Every structure is written in structure tokens, then in C-alpha cells.
């Protein structure tokens, strides 16, 4: 592996962070999972990041999508809100 390739591999996590955007936060893990599944049904890749403290039960679950899918994902999930 050349020094240039090593530098690229070290920067990869930072590049990945730039590609994913948080679009919603949920207090309920089940609602977050439902939203993730709705997006999956529409062929939109998403990731849930659980930032809840299991011991005390507080915190949020964050839903991330790729930067180029933000508008579409928000539109789909907004249509489902009561």
C-alpha cells in the first residue's frame, strides 16, 4: 500500500460522515425502525443510530440517509405523519 493509499483509507470515515445526513430523531425506537422500513420499501438506504441510554431509558434514535436522498426521504416520511 502506497502512502497515498494509506492517507485515503484514513480519510474514508470522514468522507462517509459527509455522505450521510440525519433527517429525523425519534424518542421511540419502534417508530425509528418503522421509518427505516418505510424507506427501505421505497429503495432508500437508511441507517438508525441508537443514542438511547439503556439503563435510564432517555435519549433518541437518529435516522440517517445518504445526502442525495434527503429530500425524497423527508417527503415520504412527512406524508405518513398524522
C-alpha atoms as a PDB file:
ATOM      1  CA  UNK A   1       0.000   0.000   0.000  1.00  0.00           C
ATOM      2  CA  UNK A   2       1.440   3.343  -1.016  1.00  0.00           C
ATOM      3  CA  UNK A   3       1.482   6.331   1.379  1.00  0.00           C
ATOM      4  CA  UNK A   4      -1.175   7.995  -0.758  1.00  0.00           C
ATOM      5  CA  UNK A   5      -3.485   4.960  -0.440  1.00  0.00           C
ATOM      6  CA  UNK A   6      -2.922   4.909   3.329  1.00  0.00           C
ATOM      7  CA  UNK A   7      -3.991   8.536   3.561  1.00  0.00           C
ATOM      8  CA  UNK A   8      -7.125   7.804   1.533  1.00  0.00           C
ATOM      9  CA  UNK A   9      -8.094   4.882   3.770  1.00  0.00           C
ATOM     10  CA  UNK A  10      -7.628   7.006   6.918  1.00  0.00           C
ATOM     11  CA  UNK A  11      -9.880   9.711   5.474  1.00  0.00           C
ATOM     12  CA  UNK A  12     -12.617   7.281   4.473  1.00  0.00           C
ATOM     13  CA  UNK A  13     -14.633   7.567   7.746  1.00  0.00           C
ATOM     14  CA  UNK A  14     -14.699  11.357   7.431  1.00  0.00           C
ATOM     15  CA  UNK A  15     -15.847  11.027   3.823  1.00  0.00           C
ATOM     16  CA  UNK A  16     -18.577   8.597   4.856  1.00  0.00           C
ATOM     17  CA  UNK A  17     -19.824  11.030   7.511  1.00  0.00           C
ATOM     18  CA  UNK A  18     -20.241  13.662   4.812  1.00  0.00           C
ATOM     19  CA  UNK A  19     -22.358  11.272   2.750  1.00  0.00           C
ATOM     20  CA  UNK A  20     -24.955  10.562   5.475  1.00  0.00           C
ATOM     21  CA  UNK A  21     -27.362  13.193   6.791  1.00  0.00           C
ATOM     22  CA  UNK A  22     -29.579  12.980   9.866  1.00  0.00           C
ATOM     23  CA  UNK A  23     -33.167  13.636   8.826  1.00  0.00           C
ATOM     24  CA  UNK A  24     -35.171  12.729  11.944  1.00  0.00           C
ATOM     25  CA  UNK A  25     -34.860  11.945  15.638  1.00  0.00           C
ATOM     26  CA  UNK A  26     -37.256   9.639  17.445  1.00  0.00           C
ATOM     27  CA  UNK A  27     -37.798   9.137  21.159  1.00  0.00           C
ATOM     28  CA  UNK A  28     -39.271   5.729  20.413  1.00  0.00           C
ATOM     29  CA  UNK A  29     -37.026   3.057  18.903  1.00  0.00           C
ATOM     30  CA  UNK A  30     -40.010   1.331  17.279  1.00  0.00           C
ATOM     31  CA  UNK A  31     -41.055   4.486  15.396  1.00  0.00           C
ATOM     32  CA  UNK A  32     -37.498   4.858  14.140  1.00  0.00           C
ATOM     33  CA  UNK A  33     -37.460   1.277  12.917  1.00  0.00           C
ATOM     34  CA  UNK A  34     -40.823   1.752  11.204  1.00  0.00           C
ATOM     35  CA  UNK A  35     -39.495   4.838   9.388  1.00  0.00           C
ATOM     36  CA  UNK A  36     -36.373   2.920   8.338  1.00  0.00           C
ATOM     37  CA  UNK A  37     -38.528   0.097   6.958  1.00  0.00           C
ATOM     38  CA  UNK A  38     -40.786   2.512   5.056  1.00  0.00           C
ATOM     39  CA  UNK A  39     -37.717   3.990   3.386  1.00  0.00           C
ATOM     40  CA  UNK A  40     -36.377   0.508   2.631  1.00  0.00           C
ATOM     41  CA  UNK A  41     -39.694  -0.323   0.929  1.00  0.00           C
ATOM     42  CA  UNK A  42     -39.071   2.723  -1.295  1.00  0.00           C
ATOM     43  CA  UNK A  43     -35.493   1.529  -2.031  1.00  0.00           C
ATOM     44  CA  UNK A  44     -33.922   4.287   0.055  1.00  0.00           C
ATOM     45  CA  UNK A  45     -30.992   3.103   2.128  1.00  0.00           C
ATOM     46  CA  UNK A  46     -31.097   4.406   5.691  1.00  0.00           C
ATOM     47  CA  UNK A  47     -29.349   3.843   8.998  1.00  0.00           C
ATOM     48  CA  UNK A  48     -30.629   4.116  12.559  1.00  0.00           C
ATOM     49  CA  UNK A  49     -28.195   5.300  15.199  1.00  0.00           C
ATOM     50  CA  UNK A  50     -29.380   4.433  18.688  1.00  0.00           C
ATOM     51  CA  UNK A  51     -28.243   7.107  21.142  1.00  0.00           C
ATOM     52  CA  UNK A  52     -30.555   5.978  23.918  1.00  0.00           C
ATOM     53  CA  UNK A  53     -29.177   5.113  27.335  1.00  0.00           C
ATOM     54  CA  UNK A  54     -30.483   1.624  28.033  1.00  0.00           C
ATOM     55  CA  UNK A  55     -30.005   1.947  31.787  1.00  0.00           C
ATOM     56  CA  UNK A  56     -32.087   5.087  32.218  1.00  0.00           C
ATOM     57  CA  UNK A  57     -34.252   4.984  29.087  1.00  0.00           C
ATOM     58  CA  UNK A  58     -33.608   8.501  27.811  1.00  0.00           C
ATOM     59  CA  UNK A  59     -32.071   9.720  24.576  1.00  0.00           C
ATOM     60  CA  UNK A  60     -33.003   9.483  20.917  1.00  0.00           C
ATOM     61  CA  UNK A  61     -32.756   7.250  17.888  1.00  0.00           C
ATOM     62  CA  UNK A  62     -31.447   9.130  14.846  1.00  0.00           C
ATOM     63  CA  UNK A  63     -32.365   8.282  11.248  1.00  0.00           C
ATOM     64  CA  UNK A  64     -29.756   8.939   8.551  1.00  0.00           C
ATOM     65  CA  UNK A  65     -29.983   8.754   4.765  1.00  0.00           C
ATOM     66  CA  UNK A  66     -27.484   9.408   2.020  1.00  0.00           C
ATOM     67  CA  UNK A  67     -27.122  13.071   1.097  1.00  0.00           C
ATOM     68  CA  UNK A  68     -28.686  12.703  -2.365  1.00  0.00           C
ATOM     69  CA  UNK A  69     -31.839  11.078  -0.920  1.00  0.00           C
ATOM     70  CA  UNK A  70     -32.611  13.607   1.844  1.00  0.00           C
ATOM     71  CA  UNK A  71     -35.438  15.471   0.118  1.00  0.00           C
ATOM     72  CA  UNK A  72     -37.170  12.341  -1.144  1.00  0.00           C
ATOM     73  CA  UNK A  73     -36.878  10.554   2.217  1.00  0.00           C
ATOM     74  CA  UNK A  74     -38.265  13.547   4.127  1.00  0.00           C
ATOM     75  CA  UNK A  75     -41.137  13.872   1.676  1.00  0.00           C
ATOM     76  CA  UNK A  76     -42.065  10.184   2.038  1.00  0.00           C
ATOM     77  CA  UNK A  77     -41.958  10.276   5.839  1.00  0.00           C
ATOM     78  CA  UNK A  78     -43.822  13.614   6.093  1.00  0.00           C
ATOM     79  CA  UNK A  79     -46.690  12.180   4.043  1.00  0.00           C
ATOM     80  CA  UNK A  80     -47.163   9.476   6.682  1.00  0.00           C
ATOM     81  CA  UNK A  81     -47.366  11.797   9.690  1.00  0.00           C
ATOM     82  CA  UNK A  82     -50.858  12.177  11.166  1.00  0.00           C
END
